[in-house]
């Protein structure tokens, strides 16, 4: 990967690219995230780049009940 993005990080492991959103507090897809995704897709559309998988960062949910 040659480009850095504000709202996501990408890492290459073999032939798999993993992308993780970093757009707190709830990872909404706003204008910056759309620009970053378009940039990533343009970079991925270049020849000889691997397949990719995306995920979102895990954010603890303080309102969820805890088990006892």
N, C-alpha and C. Protein backbone atom coordinates (compact mmCIF):
# COMPACT_ATOMS: atom_id res chain seq x y z
N UNK A 1 0.85 -1.17 0.00
CA UNK A 1 0.00 0.00 0.00
C UNK A 1 0.89 1.24 0.00
N UNK A 2 0.52 2.17 -0.84
CA UNK A 2 1.33 3.38 -0.95
C UNK A 2 0.61 4.62 -0.41
N UNK A 3 -0.67 4.53 -0.17
CA UNK A 3 -1.45 5.69 0.26
C UNK A 3 -1.85 5.54 1.72
N UNK A 4 -1.85 6.66 2.46
CA UNK A 4 -2.38 6.63 3.83
C UNK A 4 -3.75 7.30 3.82
N UNK A 5 -4.64 6.85 4.70
CA UNK A 5 -6.01 7.32 4.75
C UNK A 5 -6.33 7.83 6.15
N UNK A 6 -7.24 8.82 6.25
CA UNK A 6 -7.61 9.38 7.54
C UNK A 6 -8.55 8.47 8.33
N UNK A 7 -9.50 7.81 7.65
CA UNK A 7 -10.56 7.09 8.36
C UNK A 7 -10.45 5.58 8.27
N UNK A 8 -9.40 5.07 7.65
CA UNK A 8 -9.21 3.62 7.63
C UNK A 8 -7.74 3.31 7.58
N UNK A 9 -7.43 2.11 8.02
CA UNK A 9 -6.06 1.61 7.91
C UNK A 9 -6.11 0.34 7.09
N UNK A 10 -5.07 0.10 6.35
CA UNK A 10 -5.01 -1.09 5.51
C UNK A 10 -3.68 -1.77 5.73
N UNK A 11 -3.71 -3.09 5.76
CA UNK A 11 -2.48 -3.86 5.90
C UNK A 11 -2.51 -5.04 4.96
N UNK A 12 -1.37 -5.34 4.41
CA UNK A 12 -1.23 -6.42 3.46
C UNK A 12 -0.55 -7.60 4.12
N UNK A 13 -1.18 -8.77 4.04
CA UNK A 13 -0.62 -10.00 4.60
C UNK A 13 -0.68 -11.05 3.50
N UNK A 14 0.44 -11.29 2.85
CA UNK A 14 0.45 -12.19 1.71
C UNK A 14 -0.35 -11.56 0.58
N UNK A 15 -1.38 -12.27 0.12
CA UNK A 15 -2.23 -11.75 -0.96
C UNK A 15 -3.55 -11.22 -0.44
N UNK A 16 -3.65 -10.95 0.86
CA UNK A 16 -4.91 -10.47 1.45
C UNK A 16 -4.69 -9.09 2.04
N UNK A 17 -5.55 -8.16 1.64
CA UNK A 17 -5.52 -6.81 2.19
C UNK A 17 -6.65 -6.67 3.19
N UNK A 18 -6.34 -6.27 4.42
CA UNK A 18 -7.36 -6.03 5.44
C UNK A 18 -7.49 -4.53 5.65
N UNK A 19 -8.74 -4.05 5.66
CA UNK A 19 -9.01 -2.63 5.88
C UNK A 19 -9.90 -2.50 7.10
N UNK A 20 -9.55 -1.56 7.99
CA UNK A 20 -10.31 -1.33 9.21
C UNK A 20 -10.71 0.14 9.29
N UNK A 21 -12.00 0.39 9.52
CA UNK A 21 -12.48 1.76 9.66
C UNK A 21 -12.06 2.32 11.02
N UNK A 22 -11.67 3.58 11.02
CA UNK A 22 -11.37 4.32 12.23
C UNK A 22 -12.08 5.66 12.13
N UNK A 23 -13.38 5.64 12.31
CA UNK A 23 -14.19 6.86 12.21
C UNK A 23 -15.08 6.95 13.45
N UNK A 24 -14.47 7.17 14.62
CA UNK A 24 -15.23 7.18 15.87
C UNK A 24 -16.25 8.32 15.89
N UNK A 25 -17.29 8.24 16.66
CA UNK A 25 -17.45 7.23 17.70
C UNK A 25 -18.19 5.98 17.23
N UNK A 26 -18.86 6.02 16.09
CA UNK A 26 -19.63 4.83 15.69
C UNK A 26 -19.36 4.40 14.25
N UNK A 27 -18.24 4.81 13.69
CA UNK A 27 -17.83 4.40 12.34
C UNK A 27 -18.85 4.73 11.27
N UNK A 28 -19.42 5.93 11.33
CA UNK A 28 -20.34 6.36 10.28
C UNK A 28 -19.58 6.60 8.98
N UNK A 29 -20.24 6.34 7.87
CA UNK A 29 -19.65 6.57 6.56
C UNK A 29 -19.98 8.00 6.13
N UNK A 30 -19.10 8.94 6.47
CA UNK A 30 -19.27 10.33 6.09
C UNK A 30 -18.43 10.66 4.87
N UNK A 31 -18.35 11.93 4.50
CA UNK A 31 -17.60 12.33 3.31
C UNK A 31 -16.12 11.90 3.34
N UNK A 32 -15.45 12.02 4.49
CA UNK A 32 -14.04 11.61 4.57
C UNK A 32 -13.89 10.11 4.35
N UNK A 33 -14.78 9.34 4.95
CA UNK A 33 -14.70 7.88 4.79
C UNK A 33 -14.98 7.49 3.34
N UNK A 34 -15.93 8.16 2.70
CA UNK A 34 -16.22 7.87 1.29
C UNK A 34 -14.99 8.17 0.44
N UNK A 35 -14.35 9.32 0.68
CA UNK A 35 -13.13 9.65 -0.08
C UNK A 35 -12.06 8.59 0.14
N UNK A 36 -11.89 8.16 1.37
CA UNK A 36 -10.89 7.14 1.65
C UNK A 36 -11.23 5.81 0.97
N UNK A 37 -12.49 5.42 1.02
CA UNK A 37 -12.90 4.17 0.36
C UNK A 37 -12.71 4.24 -1.15
N UNK A 38 -13.06 5.37 -1.74
CA UNK A 38 -12.86 5.54 -3.19
C UNK A 38 -11.37 5.46 -3.51
N UNK A 39 -10.55 6.12 -2.69
CA UNK A 39 -9.10 6.05 -2.91
C UNK A 39 -8.57 4.64 -2.79
N UNK A 40 -9.05 3.91 -1.78
CA UNK A 40 -8.61 2.52 -1.60
C UNK A 40 -9.04 1.67 -2.79
N UNK A 41 -10.29 1.83 -3.23
CA UNK A 41 -10.77 1.06 -4.38
C UNK A 41 -10.00 1.40 -5.65
N UNK A 42 -9.65 2.68 -5.82
CA UNK A 42 -8.84 3.05 -6.99
C UNK A 42 -7.47 2.39 -6.90
N UNK A 43 -6.89 2.38 -5.71
CA UNK A 43 -5.59 1.73 -5.53
C UNK A 43 -5.70 0.23 -5.78
N UNK A 44 -6.79 -0.38 -5.33
CA UNK A 44 -6.99 -1.82 -5.53
C UNK A 44 -7.26 -2.16 -6.99
N UNK A 45 -7.75 -1.21 -7.77
CA UNK A 45 -8.06 -1.49 -9.17
C UNK A 45 -6.81 -1.55 -10.04
N UNK A 46 -5.67 -1.18 -9.48
CA UNK A 46 -4.41 -1.26 -10.22
C UNK A 46 -4.03 -2.73 -10.38
N UNK A 47 -3.37 -3.08 -11.47
CA UNK A 47 -2.98 -4.48 -11.69
C UNK A 47 -2.08 -5.03 -10.58
N UNK A 48 -2.19 -6.31 -10.36
CA UNK A 48 -1.32 -7.08 -9.46
C UNK A 48 -1.51 -6.76 -7.99
N UNK A 49 -2.64 -6.20 -7.60
CA UNK A 49 -2.92 -6.03 -6.18
C UNK A 49 -3.82 -7.17 -5.72
N UNK A 50 -3.73 -7.55 -4.45
CA UNK A 50 -4.45 -8.72 -3.93
C UNK A 50 -5.93 -8.46 -3.70
N UNK A 51 -6.64 -9.55 -3.43
CA UNK A 51 -8.03 -9.45 -2.98
C UNK A 51 -8.03 -8.81 -1.61
N UNK A 52 -9.19 -8.31 -1.15
CA UNK A 52 -9.21 -7.63 0.14
C UNK A 52 -10.43 -8.00 0.96
N UNK A 53 -10.31 -7.76 2.25
CA UNK A 53 -11.37 -8.02 3.22
C UNK A 53 -11.49 -6.78 4.09
N UNK A 54 -12.70 -6.39 4.46
CA UNK A 54 -12.84 -5.19 5.29
C UNK A 54 -13.53 -5.55 6.61
N UNK A 55 -13.27 -4.74 7.62
CA UNK A 55 -13.91 -4.91 8.91
C UNK A 55 -13.97 -3.55 9.59
N UNK A 56 -14.74 -3.48 10.65
CA UNK A 56 -14.78 -2.24 11.42
C UNK A 56 -14.09 -2.46 12.75
N UNK A 57 -13.59 -1.39 13.32
CA UNK A 57 -12.95 -1.48 14.62
C UNK A 57 -14.00 -1.85 15.67
N UNK A 58 -13.63 -2.64 16.63
CA UNK A 58 -14.56 -3.03 17.69
C UNK A 58 -14.60 -1.94 18.74
N UNK A 59 -15.80 -1.46 19.01
CA UNK A 59 -15.99 -0.42 20.02
C UNK A 59 -16.84 -1.02 21.13
N UNK A 60 -16.34 -0.99 22.36
CA UNK A 60 -17.13 -1.55 23.48
C UNK A 60 -18.47 -0.84 23.61
N UNK A 61 -19.50 -1.60 23.90
CA UNK A 61 -20.83 -1.05 24.05
C UNK A 61 -21.13 -0.97 25.54
N UNK A 62 -21.06 0.25 26.10
CA UNK A 62 -21.25 0.41 27.55
C UNK A 62 -22.71 0.25 27.97
N UNK A 63 -23.63 0.27 27.00
CA UNK A 63 -25.04 0.14 27.36
C UNK A 63 -25.54 -1.30 27.33
N UNK A 64 -24.69 -2.24 26.91
CA UNK A 64 -25.14 -3.63 26.84
C UNK A 64 -25.10 -4.24 28.23
N UNK A 65 -26.07 -5.10 28.53
CA UNK A 65 -26.10 -5.72 29.87
C UNK A 65 -24.95 -6.71 30.03
N UNK A 66 -24.46 -6.82 31.21
CA UNK A 66 -23.40 -7.78 31.49
C UNK A 66 -24.00 -9.00 32.14
N UNK A 67 -23.40 -10.13 31.86
CA UNK A 67 -23.91 -11.37 32.45
C UNK A 67 -23.33 -11.55 33.85
N UNK A 68 -24.07 -12.21 34.70
CA UNK A 68 -23.60 -12.45 36.06
C UNK A 68 -23.38 -13.91 36.31
